[in-house]
Amino acid sequence: MFSLRRQLSPLAILVALALVLVLLDQTGYLAHPQGIVRSATVPLSSRIARATHTVREGMFVLQHLATLREENKRLREELNQLALTRVRLIELENENRQLRELLNFKRNNPNYVLLVAEVVAHEKPALVVGRDPNPLVRAVRIDQGSADGVELGMPVITARGLVGRVTEVGETWAIVTLLTDESMAVAAIDQQSRATGVVQGTGDGLIMRFIPHEQNVEEGDVILTSGLGRQFPKGLVIGTVESVRRRDIAPYQEAVVSSPVNFVTLEYLFVVRAFSPEPEEAEP
């Protein structure tokens, strides 16, 4: 009996306490304590809500930042691709322009048997004993050789003018010595006055020598190949006269000639495999 009372006492106490709390709540006596509890817990709840909101905003910013980085990477790749495409288009335009010039020249000169060749390398000049080699480009290597019909001595041109001559031939390649090389010389004629002479390379330019004093050469005159010796076709453009050197004590006058060909940026050339030479003109 005593044991049963001991077990029921806590339960009875809890029931009685619950009844008292219900009565107090119904009579309004718990309103003030509840307000105190609420006033104590509201700031904590606000802090928790703000902290939760900050965490959510941080997560959103991180996710948005990752998205922006991915988009930025994609845009950079697209920009690089567009830049590469633009470079390729420019190169294609330049190549098409050069090939179009060559094609027009070939159509306008049916008396030439021409072979298109591409420049694959610039050749260094041979070392001259006792003198440093000229650092400028004086020869180029092309991708056509004896297997394609290229032979020693064949003239090499572009649509703009004379380039040089084939001086070495392999089966699939050839070396073209440029007109500016000091070893090169070509018989020439002034298109306007018909004055004759020989254009020679100076290493970095051209000069027309052996022009008789009685013949007239002026700045701006166009200098052409004369065809004398039949080593070069007649009428190829060599360049224009920049200046004339006249000395009374010298037996001849000289003219500095500027070539329309950019010998440094050569890409496509014509090897003249055959041409129909015109009758040679006797010097006045």
C-alpha atoms as a PDB file:
ATOM      1  CA  MET A   1       0.000   0.000   0.000  1.00  0.00           C
ATOM      2  CA  PHE A   2       2.789   2.334   0.957  1.00  0.00           C
ATOM      3  CA  SER A   3       4.652   1.455  -2.264  1.00  0.00           C
ATOM      4  CA  LEU A   4       1.628   2.311  -4.391  1.00  0.00           C
ATOM      5  CA  ARG A   5       1.367   5.696  -2.755  1.00  0.00           C
ATOM      6  CA  ARG A   6       4.995   6.414  -3.496  1.00  0.00           C
ATOM      7  CA  GLN A   7       4.459   5.653  -7.196  1.00  0.00           C
ATOM      8  CA  LEU A   8       1.300   7.773  -7.476  1.00  0.00           C
ATOM      9  CA  SER A   9       2.678  10.817  -5.682  1.00  0.00           C
ATOM     10  CA  PRO A  10       4.710  12.247  -8.627  1.00  0.00           C
ATOM     11  CA  LEU A  11       1.892  11.619 -11.035  1.00  0.00           C
ATOM     12  CA  ALA A  12      -0.584  13.295  -8.721  1.00  0.00           C
ATOM     13  CA  ILE A  13       1.753  16.242  -8.322  1.00  0.00           C
ATOM     14  CA  LEU A  14       2.065  16.654 -12.115  1.00  0.00           C
ATOM     15  CA  VAL A  15      -1.691  16.436 -12.616  1.00  0.00           C
ATOM     16  CA  ALA A  16      -2.299  18.970  -9.900  1.00  0.00           C
ATOM     17  CA  LEU A  17       0.339  21.309 -11.364  1.00  0.00           C
ATOM     18  CA  ALA A  18      -1.241  21.044 -14.807  1.00  0.00           C
ATOM     19  CA  LEU A  19      -4.663  21.869 -13.375  1.00  0.00           C
ATOM     20  CA  VAL A  20      -3.268  24.884 -11.574  1.00  0.00           C
ATOM     21  CA  LEU A  21      -1.601  26.192 -14.762  1.00  0.00           C
ATOM     22  CA  VAL A  22      -4.820  25.778 -16.740  1.00  0.00           C
ATOM     23  CA  LEU A  23      -6.782  27.684 -14.117  1.00  0.00           C
ATOM     24  CA  LEU A  24      -4.179  30.454 -13.968  1.00  0.00           C
ATOM     25  CA  ASP A  25      -4.156  30.782 -17.791  1.00  0.00           C
ATOM     26  CA  GLN A  26      -7.938  30.970 -17.955  1.00  0.00           C
ATOM     27  CA  THR A  27      -8.052  33.609 -15.260  1.00  0.00           C
ATOM     28  CA  GLY A  28      -5.321  35.714 -17.012  1.00  0.00           C
ATOM     29  CA  TYR A  29      -2.661  35.411 -14.367  1.00  0.00           C
ATOM     30  CA  LEU A  30      -0.124  33.924 -16.907  1.00  0.00           C
ATOM     31  CA  ALA A  31      -0.367  36.791 -19.406  1.00  0.00           C
ATOM     32  CA  HIS A  32       2.434  38.788 -17.784  1.00  0.00           C
ATOM     33  CA  PRO A  33       4.892  35.886 -17.499  1.00  0.00           C
ATOM     34  CA  GLN A  34       4.243  34.955 -21.167  1.00  0.00           C
ATOM     35  CA  GLY A  35       5.003  38.520 -22.236  1.00  0.00           C
ATOM     36  CA  ILE A  36       8.246  38.398 -20.317  1.00  0.00           C
ATOM     37  CA  VAL A  37       9.219  35.148 -22.067  1.00  0.00           C
ATOM     38  CA  ARG A  38       8.257  36.537 -25.446  1.00  0.00           C
ATOM     39  CA  SER A  39      10.230  39.767 -24.884  1.00  0.00           C
ATOM     40  CA  ALA A  40      13.226  37.678 -23.941  1.00  0.00           C
ATOM     41  CA  THR A  41      13.024  35.322 -26.930  1.00  0.00           C
ATOM     42  CA  VAL A  42      12.077  37.803 -29.711  1.00  0.00           C
ATOM     43  CA  PRO A  43      15.578  39.419 -30.052  1.00  0.00           C
ATOM     44  CA  LEU A  44      17.144  35.968 -30.230  1.00  0.00           C
ATOM     45  CA  SER A  45      14.663  34.910 -32.912  1.00  0.00           C
ATOM     46  CA  SER A  46      15.371  38.093 -34.882  1.00  0.00           C
ATOM     47  CA  ARG A  47      19.102  37.451 -34.737  1.00  0.00           C
ATOM     48  CA  ILE A  48      18.601  33.862 -35.851  1.00  0.00           C
ATOM     49  CA  ALA A  49      16.351  35.029 -38.735  1.00  0.00           C
ATOM     50  CA  ARG A  50      18.890  37.658 -39.832  1.00  0.00           C
ATOM     51  CA  ALA A  51      21.729  35.165 -39.643  1.00  0.00           C
ATOM     52  CA  THR A  52      19.712  32.670 -41.690  1.00  0.00           C
ATOM     53  CA  HIS A  53      18.944  35.360 -44.273  1.00  0.00           C
ATOM     54  CA  THR A  54      22.624  36.355 -44.473  1.00  0.00           C
ATOM     55  CA  VAL A  55      23.658  32.743 -44.976  1.00  0.00           C
ATOM     56  CA  ARG A  56      21.074  32.349 -47.727  1.00  0.00           C
ATOM     57  CA  GLU A  57      22.267  35.556 -49.411  1.00  0.00           C
ATOM     58  CA  GLY A  58      25.877  34.361 -49.187  1.00  0.00           C
ATOM     59  CA  MET A  59      24.969  31.041 -50.756  1.00  0.00           C
ATOM     60  CA  PHE A  60      23.136  32.866 -53.551  1.00  0.00           C
ATOM     61  CA  VAL A  61      26.097  35.188 -54.161  1.00  0.00           C
ATOM     62  CA  LEU A  62      28.496  32.238 -54.283  1.00  0.00           C
ATOM     63  CA  GLN A  63      26.274  30.371 -56.719  1.00  0.00           C
ATOM     64  CA  HIS A  64      25.815  33.519 -58.829  1.00  0.00           C
ATOM     65  CA  LEU A  65      29.568  34.204 -58.763  1.00  0.00           C
ATOM     66  CA  ALA A  66      30.301  30.689 -59.961  1.00  0.00           C
ATOM     67  CA  THR A  67      27.779  31.164 -62.778  1.00  0.00           C
ATOM     68  CA  LEU A  68      29.353  34.495 -63.738  1.00  0.00           C
ATOM     69  CA  ARG A  69      32.804  32.917 -63.800  1.00  0.00           C
ATOM     70  CA  GLU A  70      31.606  30.142 -66.085  1.00  0.00           C
ATOM     71  CA  GLU A  71      29.905  32.649 -68.357  1.00  0.00           C
ATOM     72  CA  ASN A  72      33.002  34.857 -68.362  1.00  0.00           C
ATOM     73  CA  LYS A  73      35.153  31.860 -69.320  1.00  0.00           C
ATOM     74  CA  ARG A  74      32.753  30.931 -72.110  1.00  0.00           C
ATOM     75  CA  LEU A  75      32.692  34.500 -73.456  1.00  0.00           C
ATOM     76  CA  ARG A  76      36.490  34.678 -73.418  1.00  0.00           C
ATOM     77  CA  GLU A  77      36.714  31.421 -75.358  1.00  0.00           C
ATOM     78  CA  GLU A  78      34.196  32.731 -77.897  1.00  0.00           C
ATOM     79  CA  LEU A  79      36.140  35.998 -78.190  1.00  0.00           C
ATOM     80  CA  ASN A  80      39.407  34.127 -78.770  1.00  0.00           C
ATOM     81  CA  GLN A  81      37.705  31.960 -81.361  1.00  0.00           C
ATOM     82  CA  LEU A  82      36.343  35.031 -83.143  1.00  0.00           C
ATOM     83  CA  ALA A  83      39.790  36.643 -83.109  1.00  0.00           C
ATOM     84  CA  LEU A  84      41.314  33.478 -84.569  1.00  0.00           C
ATOM     85  CA  THR A  85      38.609  33.340 -87.222  1.00  0.00           C
ATOM     86  CA  ARG A  86      39.258  36.987 -88.106  1.00  0.00           C
ATOM     87  CA  VAL A  87      42.984  36.301 -88.487  1.00  0.00           C
ATOM     88  CA  ARG A  88      42.245  33.341 -90.749  1.00  0.00           C
ATOM     89  CA  LEU A  89      39.880  35.431 -92.858  1.00  0.00           C
ATOM     90  CA  ILE A  90      42.487  38.157 -93.255  1.00  0.00           C
ATOM     91  CA  GLU A  91      45.078  35.574 -94.301  1.00  0.00           C
ATOM     92  CA  LEU A  92      42.656  34.050 -96.794  1.00  0.00           C
ATOM     93  CA  GLU A  93      41.893  37.484 -98.212  1.00  0.00           C
ATOM     94  CA  ASN A  94      45.596  38.241 -98.602  1.00  0.00           C
ATOM     95  CA  GLU A  95      46.243  34.877-100.199  1.00  0.00           C
ATOM     96  CA  ASN A  96      43.297  35.274-102.559  1.00  0.00           C
ATOM     97  CA  ARG A  97      44.482  38.756-103.534  1.00  0.00           C
ATOM     98  CA  GLN A  98      47.971  37.495-104.366  1.00  0.00           C
ATOM     99  CA  LEU A  99      46.674  34.501-106.303  1.00  0.00           C
ATOM    100  CA  ARG A 100      44.215  36.733-108.156  1.00  0.00           C
ATOM    101  CA  GLU A 101      47.066  39.030-109.180  1.00  0.00           C
ATOM    102  CA  LEU A 102      49.047  36.041-110.434  1.00  0.00           C
ATOM    103  CA  LEU A 103      46.059  34.704-112.333  1.00  0.00           C
ATOM    104  CA  ASN A 104      45.419  38.053-114.022  1.00  0.00           C
ATOM    105  CA  PHE A 105      49.085  38.323-114.964  1.00  0.00           C
ATOM    106  CA  LYS A 106      49.033  34.838-116.439  1.00  0.00           C
ATOM    107  CA  ARG A 107      45.944  35.665-118.493  1.00  0.00           C
ATOM    108  CA  ASN A 108      47.521  38.858-119.790  1.00  0.00           C
ATOM    109  CA  ASN A 109      50.775  37.116-120.728  1.00  0.00           C
ATOM    110  CA  PRO A 110      49.874  33.995-122.727  1.00  0.00           C
ATOM    111  CA  ASN A 111      53.371  33.912-124.248  1.00  0.00           C
ATOM    112  CA  TYR A 112      54.805  32.780-120.899  1.00  0.00           C
ATOM    113  CA  VAL A 113      54.769  29.221-119.548  1.00  0.00           C
ATOM    114  CA  LEU A 114      54.442  29.915-115.837  1.00  0.00           C
ATOM    115  CA  LEU A 115      54.725  27.703-112.786  1.00  0.00           C
ATOM    116  CA  VAL A 116      53.303  28.914-109.478  1.00  0.00           C
ATOM    117  CA  ALA A 117      55.635  28.403-106.526  1.00  0.00           C
ATOM    118  CA  GLU A 118      55.346  29.237-102.848  1.00  0.00           C
ATOM    119  CA  VAL A 119      58.179  30.704-100.798  1.00  0.00           C
ATOM    120  CA  VAL A 120      58.955  28.318 -97.952  1.00  0.00           C
ATOM    121  CA  ALA A 121      62.091  29.912 -96.487  1.00  0.00           C
ATOM    122  CA  HIS A 122      64.493  32.818 -96.683  1.00  0.00           C
ATOM    123  CA  GLU A 123      68.060  31.799 -97.468  1.00  0.00           C
ATOM    124  CA  LYS A 124      71.080  33.394 -95.832  1.00  0.00           C
ATOM    125  CA  PRO A 125      73.683  34.852 -98.186  1.00  0.00           C
ATOM    126  CA  ALA A 126      76.989  33.070 -98.562  1.00  0.00           C
ATOM    127  CA  LEU A 127      79.846  34.377 -96.433  1.00  0.00           C
ATOM    128  CA  VAL A 128      82.305  36.479 -98.406  1.00  0.00           C
ATOM    129  CA  VAL A 129      85.877  36.121 -97.193  1.00  0.00           C
ATOM    130  CA  GLY A 130      87.028  39.270 -95.447  1.00  0.00           C
ATOM    131  CA  ARG A 131      83.537  40.806 -95.277  1.00  0.00           C
ATOM    132  CA  ASP A 132      80.415  40.206 -93.210  1.00  0.00           C
ATOM    133  CA  PRO A 133      77.426  38.883 -95.152  1.00  0.00           C
ATOM    134  CA  ASN A 134      74.582  41.304 -95.831  1.00  0.00           C
ATOM    135  CA  PRO A 135      71.853  40.591 -93.257  1.00  0.00           C
ATOM    136  CA  LEU A 136      69.073  41.440 -95.705  1.00  0.00           C
ATOM    137  CA  VAL A 137      67.154  38.758 -97.568  1.00  0.00           C
ATOM    138  CA  ARG A 138      68.951  38.011-100.827  1.00  0.00           C
ATOM    139  CA  ALA A 139      67.581  34.566-101.715  1.00  0.00           C
ATOM    140  CA  VAL A 140      64.461  32.498-101.055  1.00  0.00           C
ATOM    141  CA  ARG A 141      63.633  28.806-101.206  1.00  0.00           C
ATOM    142  CA  ILE A 142      60.532  27.731-103.142  1.00  0.00           C
ATOM    143  CA  ASP A 143      58.524  24.501-103.075  1.00  0.00           C
ATOM    144  CA  GLN A 144      59.037  23.613-106.762  1.00  0.00           C
ATOM    145  CA  GLY A 145      62.058  21.794-108.157  1.00  0.00           C
ATOM    146  CA  SER A 146      63.403  19.719-111.011  1.00  0.00           C
ATOM    147  CA  ALA A 147      60.538  17.265-110.690  1.00  0.00           C
ATOM    148  CA  ASP A 148      58.218  20.143-111.570  1.00  0.00           C
ATOM    149  CA  GLY A 149      60.287  21.362-114.511  1.00  0.00           C
ATOM    150  CA  VAL A 150      62.348  24.033-112.755  1.00  0.00           C
ATOM    151  CA  GLU A 151      65.804  24.543-114.217  1.00  0.00           C
ATOM    152  CA  LEU A 152      68.829  26.689-113.460  1.00  0.00           C
ATOM    153  CA  GLY A 153      68.682  30.215-114.802  1.00  0.00           C
ATOM    154  CA  MET A 154      64.897  30.411-115.119  1.00  0.00           C
ATOM    155  CA  PRO A 155      63.511  33.905-114.395  1.00  0.00           C
ATOM    156  CA  VAL A 156      61.272  34.341-111.370  1.00  0.00           C
ATOM    157  CA  ILE A 157      58.610  37.045-111.260  1.00  0.00           C
ATOM    158  CA  THR A 158      55.470  38.222-109.525  1.00  0.00           C
ATOM    159  CA  ALA A 159      52.516  40.090-110.978  1.00  0.00           C
ATOM    160  CA  ARG A 160      54.254  43.316-109.917  1.00  0.00           C
ATOM    161  CA  GLY A 161      57.645  42.747-111.457  1.00  0.00           C
ATOM    162  CA  LEU A 162      60.915  40.867-111.705  1.00  0.00           C
ATOM    163  CA  VAL A 163      62.080  38.981-108.611  1.00  0.00           C
ATOM    164  CA  GLY A 164      65.258  37.181-109.606  1.00  0.00           C
ATOM    165  CA  ARG A 165      66.616  33.985-111.091  1.00  0.00           C
ATOM    166  CA  VAL A 166      66.816  30.293-110.139  1.00  0.00           C
ATOM    167  CA  THR A 167      70.394  29.600-109.041  1.00  0.00           C
ATOM    168  CA  GLU A 168      70.083  26.185-107.385  1.00  0.00           C
ATOM    169  CA  VAL A 169      67.681  23.308-108.004  1.00  0.00           C
ATOM    170  CA  GLY A 170      66.719  20.224-106.031  1.00  0.00           C
ATOM    171  CA  GLU A 171      64.129  17.618-106.873  1.00  0.00           C
ATOM    172  CA  THR A 172      61.344  19.286-104.910  1.00  0.00           C
ATOM    173  CA  TRP A 173      62.835  22.710-104.176  1.00  0.00           C
ATOM    174  CA  ALA A 174      64.833  25.515-105.720  1.00  0.00           C
ATOM    175  CA  ILE A 175      66.801  28.558-104.580  1.00  0.00           C
ATOM    176  CA  VAL A 176      65.922  31.909-106.132  1.00  0.00           C
ATOM    177  CA  THR A 177      68.571  34.621-105.907  1.00  0.00           C
ATOM    178  CA  LEU A 178      66.787  37.939-105.625  1.00  0.00           C
ATOM    179  CA  LEU A 179      67.353  40.856-107.952  1.00  0.00           C
ATOM    180  CA  THR A 180      68.767  42.902-105.068  1.00  0.00           C
ATOM    181  CA  ASP A 181      71.695  40.518-104.614  1.00  0.00           C
ATOM    182  CA  GLU A 182      75.038  41.962-105.711  1.00  0.00           C
ATOM    183  CA  SER A 183      75.589  39.050-108.092  1.00  0.00           C
ATOM    184  CA  MET A 184      72.480  39.882-110.130  1.00  0.00           C
ATOM    185  CA  ALA A 185      72.440  42.019-113.294  1.00  0.00           C
ATOM    186  CA  VAL A 186      69.780  42.456-115.977  1.00  0.00           C
ATOM    187  CA  ALA A 187      69.726  44.445-119.201  1.00  0.00           C
ATOM    188  CA  ALA A 188      67.196  47.254-118.822  1.00  0.00           C
ATOM    189  CA  ILE A 189      65.490  50.020-120.770  1.00  0.00           C
ATOM    190  CA  ASP A 190      63.719  53.230-119.781  1.00  0.00           C
ATOM    191  CA  GLN A 191      60.092  52.936-120.866  1.00  0.00           C
ATOM    192  CA  GLN A 192      59.766  56.688-121.506  1.00  0.00           C
ATOM    193  CA  SER A 193      63.090  57.707-123.082  1.00  0.00           C
ATOM    194  CA  ARG A 194      64.225  54.254-124.265  1.00  0.00           C
ATOM    195  CA  ALA A 195      67.570  54.845-122.579  1.00  0.00           C
ATOM    196  CA  THR A 196      69.425  51.588-121.962  1.00  0.00           C
ATOM    197  CA  GLY A 197      71.611  50.296-119.183  1.00  0.00           C
ATOM    198  CA  VAL A 198      72.145  47.441-116.762  1.00  0.00           C
ATOM    199  CA  VAL A 199      70.286  47.139-113.457  1.00  0.00           C
ATOM    200  CA  GLN A 200      72.413  45.595-110.711  1.00  0.00           C
ATOM    201  CA  GLY A 201      71.701  44.648-107.128  1.00  0.00           C
ATOM    202  CA  THR A 202      73.422  46.518-104.328  1.00  0.00           C
ATOM    203  CA  GLY A 203      72.510  44.182-101.487  1.00  0.00           C
ATOM    204  CA  ASP A 204      69.699  46.405-100.270  1.00  0.00           C
ATOM    205  CA  GLY A 205      68.423  47.979-103.491  1.00  0.00           C
ATOM    206  CA  LEU A 206      68.860  48.439-107.231  1.00  0.00           C
ATOM    207  CA  ILE A 207      70.908  50.761-109.392  1.00  0.00           C
ATOM    208  CA  MET A 208      70.893  51.211-113.167  1.00  0.00           C
ATOM    209  CA  ARG A 209      74.416  51.620-114.492  1.00  0.00           C
ATOM    210  CA  PHE A 210      76.111  52.216-117.843  1.00  0.00           C
ATOM    211  CA  ILE A 211      73.552  54.773-119.073  1.00  0.00           C
ATOM    212  CA  PRO A 212      75.170  56.888-121.818  1.00  0.00           C
ATOM    213  CA  HIS A 213      75.291  60.619-121.066  1.00  0.00           C
ATOM    214  CA  GLU A 214      73.429  61.507-124.242  1.00  0.00           C
ATOM    215  CA  GLN A 215      70.438  59.462-123.153  1.00  0.00           C
ATOM    216  CA  ASN A 216      67.828  61.009-120.878  1.00  0.00           C
ATOM    217  CA  VAL A 217      66.627  59.383-117.655  1.00  0.00           C
ATOM    218  CA  GLU A 218      64.311  61.226-115.260  1.00  0.00           C
ATOM    219  CA  GLU A 219      62.840  60.594-111.831  1.00  0.00           C
ATOM    220  CA  GLY A 220      59.619  58.599-112.049  1.00  0.00           C
ATOM    221  CA  ASP A 221      60.554  56.835-115.288  1.00  0.00           C
ATOM    222  CA  VAL A 222      59.629  53.143-115.406  1.00  0.00           C
ATOM    223  CA  ILE A 223      62.513  50.733-115.972  1.00  0.00           C
ATOM    224  CA  LEU A 224      61.784  47.470-117.829  1.00  0.00           C
ATOM    225  CA  THR A 225      63.771  44.442-118.869  1.00  0.00           C
ATOM    226  CA  SER A 226      65.085  45.040-122.370  1.00  0.00           C
ATOM    227  CA  GLY A 227      65.258  41.385-123.414  1.00  0.00           C
ATOM    228  CA  LEU A 228      68.885  41.726-124.517  1.00  0.00           C
ATOM    229  CA  GLY A 229      70.701  38.440-124.057  1.00  0.00           C
ATOM    230  CA  ARG A 230      67.337  36.660-123.895  1.00  0.00           C
ATOM    231  CA  GLN A 231      67.946  35.685-120.292  1.00  0.00           C
ATOM    232  CA  PHE A 232      64.831  37.541-119.163  1.00  0.00           C
ATOM    233  CA  PRO A 233      61.577  38.196-121.014  1.00  0.00           C
ATOM    234  CA  LYS A 234      61.284  41.661-122.480  1.00  0.00           C
ATOM    235  CA  GLY A 235      59.027  44.215-120.831  1.00  0.00           C
ATOM    236  CA  LEU A 236      59.051  42.978-117.231  1.00  0.00           C
ATOM    237  CA  VAL A 237      58.841  45.771-114.672  1.00  0.00           C
ATOM    238  CA  ILE A 238      62.050  46.271-112.730  1.00  0.00           C
ATOM    239  CA  GLY A 239      61.087  49.489-110.949  1.00  0.00           C
ATOM    240  CA  THR A 240      60.905  53.270-111.150  1.00  0.00           C
ATOM    241  CA  VAL A 241      63.717  55.813-111.103  1.00  0.00           C
ATOM    242  CA  GLU A 242      64.159  57.484-107.706  1.00  0.00           C
ATOM    243  CA  SER A 243      67.154  59.663-108.527  1.00  0.00           C
ATOM    244  CA  VAL A 244      69.776  60.162-111.220  1.00  0.00           C
ATOM    245  CA  ARG A 245      73.505  60.608-110.709  1.00  0.00           C
ATOM    246  CA  ARG A 246      75.236  62.586-113.454  1.00  0.00           C
ATOM    247  CA  ARG A 247      78.971  63.329-113.361  1.00  0.00           C
ATOM    248  CA  ASP A 248      80.831  65.020-116.168  1.00  0.00           C
ATOM    249  CA  ILE A 249      84.005  63.105-115.457  1.00  0.00           C
ATOM    250  CA  ALA A 250      82.240  59.721-115.473  1.00  0.00           C
ATOM    251  CA  PRO A 251      81.667  57.984-118.814  1.00  0.00           C
ATOM    252  CA  TYR A 252      78.148  56.971-117.815  1.00  0.00           C
ATOM    253  CA  GLN A 253      75.312  58.189-115.638  1.00  0.00           C
ATOM    254  CA  GLU A 254      73.514  56.090-113.020  1.00  0.00           C
ATOM    255  CA  ALA A 255      69.993  55.913-111.676  1.00  0.00           C
ATOM    256  CA  VAL A 256      68.717  54.585-108.356  1.00  0.00           C
ATOM    257  CA  VAL A 257      65.755  52.282-109.037  1.00  0.00           C
ATOM    258  CA  SER A 258      62.965  51.379-106.603  1.00  0.00           C
ATOM    259  CA  SER A 259      61.332  47.994-107.170  1.00  0.00           C
ATOM    260  CA  PRO A 260      57.566  47.559-106.689  1.00  0.00           C
ATOM    261  CA  VAL A 261      58.300  44.098-105.299  1.00  0.00           C
ATOM    262  CA  ASN A 262      58.638  43.722-101.532  1.00  0.00           C
ATOM    263  CA  PHE A 263      61.443  41.172-101.409  1.00  0.00           C
ATOM    264  CA  VAL A 264      61.003  40.612 -97.660  1.00  0.00           C
ATOM    265  CA  THR A 265      57.331  39.580 -97.769  1.00  0.00           C
ATOM    266  CA  LEU A 266      57.355  37.322-100.844  1.00  0.00           C
ATOM    267  CA  GLU A 267      54.899  34.428-100.617  1.00  0.00           C
ATOM    268  CA  TYR A 268      53.878  33.298-104.114  1.00  0.00           C
ATOM    269  CA  LEU A 269      56.019  33.523-107.226  1.00  0.00           C
ATOM    270  CA  PHE A 270      55.989  32.608-110.897  1.00  0.00           C
ATOM    271  CA  VAL A 271      58.833  30.572-112.319  1.00  0.00           C
ATOM    272  CA  VAL A 272      58.994  31.399-116.038  1.00  0.00           C
ATOM    273  CA  ARG A 273      59.618  27.968-117.528  1.00  0.00           C
ATOM    274  CA  ALA A 274      59.473  29.273-121.090  1.00  0.00           C
ATOM    275  CA  PHE A 275      58.749  32.504-122.922  1.00  0.00           C
ATOM    276  CA  SER A 276      58.628  33.669-126.489  1.00  0.00           C
ATOM    277  CA  PRO A 277      61.528  36.110-126.792  1.00  0.00           C
ATOM    278  CA  GLU A 278      61.009  39.168-128.922  1.00  0.00           C
ATOM    279  CA  PRO A 279      63.638  40.376-131.383  1.00  0.00           C
ATOM    280  CA  GLU A 280      66.527  42.108-129.621  1.00  0.00           C
ATOM    281  CA  GLU A 281      66.766  45.854-129.928  1.00  0.00           C
ATOM    282  CA  ALA A 282      70.146  47.295-130.884  1.00  0.00           C
ATOM    283  CA  GLU A 283      71.493  49.939-128.531  1.00  0.00           C
ATOM    284  CA  PRO A 284      71.383  53.473-129.930  1.00  0.00           C
END
